[in-house]
Amino acid sequence: MNKICNFCGHKIFRKKQVQYIYKHNERFLMVNDVPCEECEYCGEQYFQAEVLKKIEQDFQDIYFSGKKAKKEVKVPIEEFVEI
């Protein structure tokens, strides 16, 4: 089966591990070393459904079931119109 990038139409991909940021209702979860395939031409990233489901479950476990995250960081937030 030939894969084609939905964004640019190219066919060459490389396997990578990236940082993925999951957001739901103004809450965030950053996950490191997430496996994906990335288009070598435009950089569009593709994730398997099972990978994204694991991330979503981890988000639920942290925010609603009391799981302790490995690390937490403080992030400053600005409104563009105010800078």
PDB file of N, CA and C in Angstrom:
ATOM      1  N   MET A   1       0.851  -1.188   0.000  1.00  0.00           N
ATOM      2  CA  MET A   1       0.000   0.000   0.000  1.00  0.00           C
ATOM      3  C   MET A   1       0.886   1.238   0.000  1.00  0.00           C
ATOM      4  N   ASN A   2       0.618   2.144  -0.902  1.00  0.00           N
ATOM      5  CA  ASN A   2       1.379   3.382  -0.978  1.00  0.00           C
ATOM      6  C   ASN A   2       0.690   4.458  -0.155  1.00  0.00           C
ATOM      7  N   LYS A   3       1.460   5.079   0.727  1.00  0.00           N
ATOM      8  CA  LYS A   3       0.925   6.174   1.516  1.00  0.00           C
ATOM      9  C   LYS A   3       1.142   7.466   0.756  1.00  0.00           C
ATOM     10  N   ILE A   4       0.185   8.371   0.885  1.00  0.00           N
ATOM     11  CA  ILE A   4       0.297   9.684   0.269  1.00  0.00           C
ATOM     12  C   ILE A   4      -0.045  10.715   1.339  1.00  0.00           C
ATOM     13  N   CYS A   5       0.792  11.732   1.466  1.00  0.00           N
ATOM     14  CA  CYS A   5       0.533  12.789   2.439  1.00  0.00           C
ATOM     15  C   CYS A   5      -0.742  13.531   2.055  1.00  0.00           C
ATOM     16  N   ASN A   6      -1.652  13.637   2.983  1.00  0.00           N
ATOM     17  CA  ASN A   6      -2.910  14.344   2.731  1.00  0.00           C
ATOM     18  C   ASN A   6      -2.706  15.846   2.578  1.00  0.00           C
ATOM     19  N   PHE A   7      -1.597  16.356   3.058  1.00  0.00           N
ATOM     20  CA  PHE A   7      -1.339  17.790   3.024  1.00  0.00           C
ATOM     21  C   PHE A   7      -0.658  18.210   1.722  1.00  0.00           C
ATOM     22  N   CYS A   8       0.424  17.500   1.336  1.00  0.00           N
ATOM     23  CA  CYS A   8       1.201  17.935   0.166  1.00  0.00           C
ATOM     24  C   CYS A   8       1.215  16.933  -0.993  1.00  0.00           C
ATOM     25  N   GLY A   9       0.771  15.692  -0.740  1.00  0.00           N
ATOM     26  CA  GLY A   9       0.716  14.694  -1.799  1.00  0.00           C
ATOM     27  C   GLY A   9       1.972  13.867  -1.999  1.00  0.00           C
ATOM     28  N   HIS A  10       3.015  14.136  -1.238  1.00  0.00           N
ATOM     29  CA  HIS A  10       4.244  13.356  -1.392  1.00  0.00           C
ATOM     30  C   HIS A  10       4.095  11.981  -0.745  1.00  0.00           C
ATOM     31  N   LYS A  11       5.042  11.072  -1.088  1.00  0.00           N
ATOM     32  CA  LYS A  11       4.893   9.670  -0.689  1.00  0.00           C
ATOM     33  C   LYS A  11       6.006   9.158   0.218  1.00  0.00           C
ATOM     34  N   ILE A  12       6.935   9.996   0.601  1.00  0.00           N
ATOM     35  CA  ILE A  12       8.058   9.513   1.405  1.00  0.00           C
ATOM     36  C   ILE A  12       7.860   9.945   2.854  1.00  0.00           C
ATOM     37  N   PHE A  13       7.858   8.960   3.756  1.00  0.00           N
ATOM     38  CA  PHE A  13       7.646   9.197   5.180  1.00  0.00           C
ATOM     39  C   PHE A  13       8.810   8.615   5.963  1.00  0.00           C
ATOM     40  N   ARG A  14       9.052   9.145   7.145  1.00  0.00           N
ATOM     41  CA  ARG A  14      10.051   8.578   8.044  1.00  0.00           C
ATOM     42  C   ARG A  14       9.412   8.391   9.411  1.00  0.00           C
ATOM     43  N   LYS A  15       9.829   7.343  10.087  1.00  0.00           N
ATOM     44  CA  LYS A  15       9.348   7.098  11.448  1.00  0.00           C
ATOM     45  C   LYS A  15      10.111   8.009  12.386  1.00  0.00           C
ATOM     46  N   LYS A  16       9.380   8.621  13.315  1.00  0.00           N
ATOM     47  CA  LYS A  16       9.966   9.565  14.255  1.00  0.00           C
ATOM     48  C   LYS A  16       9.313   9.397  15.605  1.00  0.00           C
ATOM     49  N   GLN A  17       9.943   9.954  16.616  1.00  0.00           N
ATOM     50  CA  GLN A  17       9.323  10.095  17.927  1.00  0.00           C
ATOM     51  C   GLN A  17       9.310  11.580  18.238  1.00  0.00           C
ATOM     52  N   VAL A  18       8.136  12.099  18.568  1.00  0.00           N
ATOM     53  CA  VAL A  18       7.958  13.544  18.721  1.00  0.00           C
ATOM     54  C   VAL A  18       7.258  13.867  20.034  1.00  0.00           C
ATOM     55  N   GLN A  19       7.226  15.151  20.348  1.00  0.00           N
ATOM     56  CA  GLN A  19       6.443  15.613  21.488  1.00  0.00           C
ATOM     57  C   GLN A  19       5.034  15.930  20.970  1.00  0.00           C
ATOM     58  N   TYR A  20       4.033  15.404  21.649  1.00  0.00           N
ATOM     59  CA  TYR A  20       2.633  15.590  21.248  1.00  0.00           C
ATOM     60  C   TYR A  20       1.930  16.368  22.358  1.00  0.00           C
ATOM     61  N   ILE A  21       1.194  17.398  21.986  1.00  0.00           N
ATOM     62  CA  ILE A  21       0.445  18.187  22.962  1.00  0.00           C
ATOM     63  C   ILE A  21      -1.038  17.907  22.766  1.00  0.00           C
ATOM     64  N   TYR A  22      -1.653  17.345  23.795  1.00  0.00           N
ATOM     65  CA  TYR A  22      -3.082  17.022  23.790  1.00  0.00           C
ATOM     66  C   TYR A  22      -3.800  18.110  24.574  1.00  0.00           C
ATOM     67  N   LYS A  23      -4.860  18.666  24.002  1.00  0.00           N
ATOM     68  CA  LYS A  23      -5.634  19.717  24.667  1.00  0.00           C
ATOM     69  C   LYS A  23      -7.109  19.341  24.658  1.00  0.00           C
ATOM     70  N   HIS A  24      -7.741  19.537  25.811  1.00  0.00           N
ATOM     71  CA  HIS A  24      -9.179  19.307  25.927  1.00  0.00           C
ATOM     72  C   HIS A  24      -9.722  20.249  26.989  1.00  0.00           C
ATOM     73  N   ASN A  25     -10.682  21.084  26.624  1.00  0.00           N
ATOM     74  CA  ASN A  25     -11.320  22.021  27.560  1.00  0.00           C
ATOM     75  C   ASN A  25     -10.313  22.833  28.372  1.00  0.00           C
ATOM     76  N   GLU A  26      -9.366  23.459  27.683  1.00  0.00           N
ATOM     77  CA  GLU A  26      -8.364  24.327  28.324  1.00  0.00           C
ATOM     78  C   GLU A  26      -7.401  23.585  29.244  1.00  0.00           C
ATOM     79  N   ARG A  27      -7.347  22.271  29.167  1.00  0.00           N
ATOM     80  CA  ARG A  27      -6.383  21.474  29.911  1.00  0.00           C
ATOM     81  C   ARG A  27      -5.438  20.818  28.905  1.00  0.00           C
ATOM     82  N   PHE A  28      -4.188  20.717  29.289  1.00  0.00           N
ATOM     83  CA  PHE A  28      -3.163  20.220  28.385  1.00  0.00           C
ATOM     84  C   PHE A  28      -2.433  19.019  28.969  1.00  0.00           C
ATOM     85  N   LEU A  29      -1.920  18.186  28.066  1.00  0.00           N
ATOM     86  CA  LEU A  29      -1.013  17.110  28.429  1.00  0.00           C
ATOM     87  C   LEU A  29       0.060  17.060  27.347  1.00  0.00           C
ATOM     88  N   MET A  30       1.313  17.212  27.751  1.00  0.00           N
ATOM     89  CA  MET A  30       2.440  17.075  26.824  1.00  0.00           C
ATOM     90  C   MET A  30       3.011  15.670  27.000  1.00  0.00           C
ATOM     91  N   VAL A  31       3.175  14.960  25.900  1.00  0.00           N
ATOM     92  CA  VAL A  31       3.687  13.590  25.932  1.00  0.00           C
ATOM     93  C   VAL A  31       4.929  13.531  25.049  1.00  0.00           C
ATOM     94  N   ASN A  32       6.040  13.091  25.622  1.00  0.00           N
ATOM     95  CA  ASN A  32       7.297  12.980  24.882  1.00  0.00           C
ATOM     96  C   ASN A  32       7.445  11.606  24.240  1.00  0.00           C
ATOM     97  N   ASP A  33       8.245  11.566  23.200  1.00  0.00           N
ATOM     98  CA  ASP A  33       8.627  10.321  22.517  1.00  0.00           C
ATOM     99  C   ASP A  33       7.441   9.538  21.961  1.00  0.00           C
ATOM    100  N   VAL A  34       6.504  10.259  21.351  1.00  0.00           N
ATOM    101  CA  VAL A  34       5.321   9.634  20.755  1.00  0.00           C
ATOM    102  C   VAL A  34       5.676   9.188  19.333  1.00  0.00           C
ATOM    103  N   PRO A  35       5.452   7.917  18.997  1.00  0.00           N
ATOM    104  CA  PRO A  35       5.785   7.450  17.648  1.00  0.00           C
ATOM    105  C   PRO A  35       4.808   7.987  16.599  1.00  0.00           C
ATOM    106  N   CYS A  36       5.380   8.372  15.463  1.00  0.00           N
ATOM    107  CA  CYS A  36       4.556   8.829  14.347  1.00  0.00           C
ATOM    108  C   CYS A  36       5.297   8.579  13.053  1.00  0.00           C
ATOM    109  N   GLU A  37       4.622   8.824  11.953  1.00  0.00           N
ATOM    110  CA  GLU A  37       5.259   8.865  10.646  1.00  0.00           C
ATOM    111  C   GLU A  37       5.140  10.299  10.163  1.00  0.00           C
ATOM    112  N   GLU A  38       6.246  10.828   9.649  1.00  0.00           N
ATOM    113  CA  GLU A  38       6.283  12.230   9.241  1.00  0.00           C
ATOM    114  C   GLU A  38       6.636  12.326   7.767  1.00  0.00           C
ATOM    115  N   CYS A  39       5.892  13.138   7.037  1.00  0.00           N
ATOM    116  CA  CYS A  39       6.185  13.373   5.623  1.00  0.00           C
ATOM    117  C   CYS A  39       7.543  14.068   5.523  1.00  0.00           C
ATOM    118  N   GLU A  40       8.434  13.511   4.719  1.00  0.00           N
ATOM    119  CA  GLU A  40       9.766  14.101   4.589  1.00  0.00           C
ATOM    120  C   GLU A  40       9.743  15.423   3.827  1.00  0.00           C
ATOM    121  N   TYR A  41       8.688  15.686   3.088  1.00  0.00           N
ATOM    122  CA  TYR A  41       8.636  16.923   2.308  1.00  0.00           C
ATOM    123  C   TYR A  41       8.071  18.090   3.116  1.00  0.00           C
ATOM    124  N   CYS A  42       6.910  17.895   3.746  1.00  0.00           N
ATOM    125  CA  CYS A  42       6.251  19.024   4.419  1.00  0.00           C
ATOM    126  C   CYS A  42       6.240  18.929   5.942  1.00  0.00           C
ATOM    127  N   GLY A  43       6.558  17.746   6.501  1.00  0.00           N
ATOM    128  CA  GLY A  43       6.600  17.600   7.952  1.00  0.00           C
ATOM    129  C   GLY A  43       5.268  17.234   8.597  1.00  0.00           C
ATOM    130  N   GLU A  44       4.238  17.020   7.804  1.00  0.00           N
ATOM    131  CA  GLU A  44       2.939  16.608   8.368  1.00  0.00           C
ATOM    132  C   GLU A  44       3.128  15.288   9.112  1.00  0.00           C
ATOM    133  N   GLN A  45       2.522  15.193  10.297  1.00  0.00           N
ATOM    134  CA  GLN A  45       2.712  14.015  11.136  1.00  0.00           C
ATOM    135  C   GLN A  45       1.438  13.183  11.187  1.00  0.00           C
ATOM    136  N   TYR A  46       1.627  11.852  11.162  1.00  0.00           N
ATOM    137  CA  TYR A  46       0.531  10.898  11.195  1.00  0.00           C
ATOM    138  C   TYR A  46       0.728   9.949  12.376  1.00  0.00           C
ATOM    139  N   PHE A  47      -0.328   9.772  13.168  1.00  0.00           N
ATOM    140  CA  PHE A  47      -0.282   8.942  14.361  1.00  0.00           C
ATOM    141  C   PHE A  47      -1.280   7.804  14.218  1.00  0.00           C
ATOM    142  N   GLN A  48      -0.914   6.631  14.722  1.00  0.00           N
ATOM    143  CA  GLN A  48      -1.847   5.511  14.723  1.00  0.00           C
ATOM    144  C   GLN A  48      -2.936   5.787  15.765  1.00  0.00           C
ATOM    145  N   ALA A  49      -4.140   5.308  15.487  1.00  0.00           N
ATOM    146  CA  ALA A  49      -5.280   5.530  16.381  1.00  0.00           C
ATOM    147  C   ALA A  49      -5.006   4.995  17.780  1.00  0.00           C
ATOM    148  N   GLU A  50      -4.355   3.837  17.877  1.00  0.00           N
ATOM    149  CA  GLU A  50      -4.091   3.250  19.199  1.00  0.00           C
ATOM    150  C   GLU A  50      -3.153   4.139  20.024  1.00  0.00           C
ATOM    151  N   VAL A  51      -2.239   4.837  19.380  1.00  0.00           N
ATOM    152  CA  VAL A  51      -1.331   5.760  20.076  1.00  0.00           C
ATOM    153  C   VAL A  51      -2.126   6.935  20.641  1.00  0.00           C
ATOM    154  N   LEU A  52      -3.006   7.504  19.820  1.00  0.00           N
ATOM    155  CA  LEU A  52      -3.806   8.647  20.268  1.00  0.00           C
ATOM    156  C   LEU A  52      -4.793   8.249  21.362  1.00  0.00           C
ATOM    157  N   LYS A  53      -5.319   7.036  21.285  1.00  0.00           N
ATOM    158  CA  LYS A  53      -6.220   6.549  22.333  1.00  0.00           C
ATOM    159  C   LYS A  53      -5.492   6.393  23.663  1.00  0.00           C
ATOM    160  N   LYS A  54      -4.237   5.933  23.633  1.00  0.00           N
ATOM    161  CA  LYS A  54      -3.443   5.817  24.853  1.00  0.00           C
ATOM    162  C   LYS A  54      -3.209   7.190  25.478  1.00  0.00           C
ATOM    163  N   ILE A  55      -2.928   8.172  24.638  1.00  0.00           N
ATOM    164  CA  ILE A  55      -2.698   9.535  25.140  1.00  0.00           C
ATOM    165  C   ILE A  55      -3.980  10.079  25.753  1.00  0.00           C
ATOM    166  N   GLU A  56      -5.099   9.890  25.092  1.00  0.00           N
ATOM    167  CA  GLU A  56      -6.379  10.362  25.626  1.00  0.00           C
ATOM    168  C   GLU A  56      -6.697   9.683  26.957  1.00  0.00           C
ATOM    169  N   GLN A  57      -6.425   8.387  27.066  1.00  0.00           N
ATOM    170  CA  GLN A  57      -6.674   7.673  28.322  1.00  0.00           C
ATOM    171  C   GLN A  57      -5.772   8.192  29.433  1.00  0.00           C
ATOM    172  N   ASP A  58      -4.524   8.476  29.111  1.00  0.00           N
ATOM    173  CA  ASP A  58      -3.598   9.010  30.104  1.00  0.00           C
ATOM    174  C   ASP A  58      -4.073  10.382  30.586  1.00  0.00           C
ATOM    175  N   PHE A  59      -4.569  11.203  29.668  1.00  0.00           N
ATOM    176  CA  PHE A  59      -5.140  12.505  30.020  1.00  0.00           C
ATOM    177  C   PHE A  59      -6.288  12.319  31.014  1.00  0.00           C
ATOM    178  N   GLN A  60      -7.189  11.399  30.703  1.00  0.00           N
ATOM    179  CA  GLN A  60      -8.330  11.125  31.585  1.00  0.00           C
ATOM    180  C   GLN A  60      -7.852  10.648  32.954  1.00  0.00           C
ATOM    181  N   ASP A  61      -6.872   9.759  32.966  1.00  0.00           N
ATOM    182  CA  ASP A  61      -6.348   9.228  34.229  1.00  0.00           C
ATOM    183  C   ASP A  61      -5.725  10.331  35.084  1.00  0.00           C
ATOM    184  N   ILE A  62      -5.025  11.252  34.456  1.00  0.00           N
ATOM    185  CA  ILE A  62      -4.374  12.331  35.198  1.00  0.00           C
ATOM    186  C   ILE A  62      -5.398  13.335  35.724  1.00  0.00           C
ATOM    187  N   TYR A  63      -6.302  13.780  34.876  1.00  0.00           N
ATOM    188  CA  TYR A  63      -7.223  14.849  35.268  1.00  0.00           C
ATOM    189  C   TYR A  63      -8.434  14.364  36.061  1.00  0.00           C
ATOM    190  N   PHE A  64      -8.839  13.119  35.897  1.00  0.00           N
ATOM    191  CA  PHE A  64     -10.084  12.679  36.519  1.00  0.00           C
ATOM    192  C   PHE A  64      -9.944  11.472  37.446  1.00  0.00           C
ATOM    193  N   SER A  65      -8.799  10.779  37.398  1.00  0.00           N
ATOM    194  CA  SER A  65      -8.643   9.588  38.231  1.00  0.00           C
ATOM    195  C   SER A  65      -7.495   9.694  39.218  1.00  0.00           C
ATOM    196  N   GLY A  66      -6.868  10.851  39.276  1.00  0.00           N
ATOM    197  CA  GLY A  66      -5.843  11.068  40.284  1.00  0.00           C
ATOM    198  C   GLY A  66      -4.458  10.537  39.969  1.00  0.00           C
ATOM    199  N   LYS A  67      -4.213  10.104  38.725  1.00  0.00           N
ATOM    200  CA  LYS A  67      -2.876   9.637  38.365  1.00  0.00           C
ATOM    201  C   LYS A  67      -1.903  10.808  38.447  1.00  0.00           C
ATOM    202  N   LYS A  68      -0.737  10.565  38.977  1.00  0.00           N
ATOM    203  CA  LYS A  68       0.296  11.590  39.088  1.00  0.00           C
ATOM    204  C   LYS A  68       1.114  11.610  37.799  1.00  0.00           C
ATOM    205  N   ALA A  69       1.228  12.777  37.191  1.00  0.00           N
ATOM    206  CA  ALA A  69       2.047  12.911  35.984  1.00  0.00           C
ATOM    207  C   ALA A  69       3.518  12.802  36.345  1.00  0.00           C
ATOM    208  N   LYS A  70       4.325  12.376  35.401  1.00  0.00           N
ATOM    209  CA  LYS A  70       5.754  12.226  35.640  1.00  0.00           C
ATOM    210  C   LYS A  70       6.403  13.569  35.975  1.00  0.00           C
ATOM    211  N   LYS A  71       5.917  14.637  35.351  1.00  0.00           N
ATOM    212  CA  LYS A  71       6.495  15.962  35.541  1.00  0.00           C
ATOM    213  C   LYS A  71       5.426  17.006  35.244  1.00  0.00           C
ATOM    214  N   GLU A  72       5.485  18.136  35.913  1.00  0.00           N
ATOM    215  CA  GLU A  72       4.595  19.259  35.616  1.00  0.00           C
ATOM    216  C   GLU A  72       5.434  20.503  35.401  1.00  0.00           C
ATOM    217  N   VAL A  73       4.986  21.369  34.481  1.00  0.00           N
ATOM    218  CA  VAL A  73       5.683  22.619  34.195  1.00  0.00           C
ATOM    219  C   VAL A  73       4.695  23.778  34.276  1.00  0.00           C
ATOM    220  N   LYS A  74       5.200  24.941  34.607  1.00  0.00           N
ATOM    221  CA  LYS A  74       4.395  26.164  34.638  1.00  0.00           C
ATOM    222  C   LYS A  74       4.607  26.873  33.304  1.00  0.00           C
ATOM    223  N   VAL A  75       3.516  27.276  32.657  1.00  0.00           N
ATOM    224  CA  VAL A  75       3.603  27.890  31.331  1.00  0.00           C
ATOM    225  C   VAL A  75       2.936  29.263  31.352  1.00  0.00           C
ATOM    226  N   PRO A  76       3.678  30.324  31.012  1.00  0.00           N
ATOM    227  CA  PRO A  76       3.055  31.644  30.933  1.00  0.00           C
ATOM    228  C   PRO A  76       2.119  31.724  29.726  1.00  0.00           C
ATOM    229  N   ILE A  77       1.020  32.465  29.883  1.00  0.00           N
ATOM    230  CA  ILE A  77       0.032  32.620  28.802  1.00  0.00           C
ATOM    231  C   ILE A  77      -0.255  34.095  28.607  1.00  0.00           C
ATOM    232  N   GLU A  78      -0.271  34.523  27.355  1.00  0.00           N
ATOM    233  CA  GLU A  78      -0.560  35.908  26.992  1.00  0.00           C
ATOM    234  C   GLU A  78      -1.682  35.944  25.959  1.00  0.00           C
ATOM    235  N   GLU A  79      -2.384  37.066  25.921  1.00  0.00           N
ATOM    236  CA  GLU A  79      -3.350  37.349  24.849  1.00  0.00           C
ATOM    237  C   GLU A  79      -2.630  38.179  23.814  1.00  0.00           C
ATOM    238  N   PHE A  80      -2.735  37.806  22.536  1.00  0.00           N
ATOM    239  CA  PHE A  80      -1.989  38.498  21.498  1.00  0.00           C
ATOM    240  C   PHE A  80      -2.316  39.986  21.435  1.00  0.00           C
ATOM    241  N   VAL A  81      -3.586  40.349  21.589  1.00  0.00           N
ATOM    242  CA  VAL A  81      -3.972  41.758  21.477  1.00  0.00           C
ATOM    243  C   VAL A  81      -3.359  42.619  22.579  1.00  0.00           C
ATOM    244  N   GLU A  82      -2.851  41.989  23.634  1.00  0.00           N
ATOM    245  CA  GLU A  82      -2.280  42.735  24.747  1.00  0.00           C
ATOM    246  C   GLU A  82      -0.754  42.835  24.684  1.00  0.00           C
ATOM    247  N   ILE A  83      -0.139  42.205  23.698  1.00  0.00           N
ATOM    248  CA  ILE A  83       1.325  42.292  23.625  1.00  0.00           C
ATOM    249  C   ILE A  83       1.775  43.195  22.511  1.00  0.00           C
TER     250      ILE A  83
END
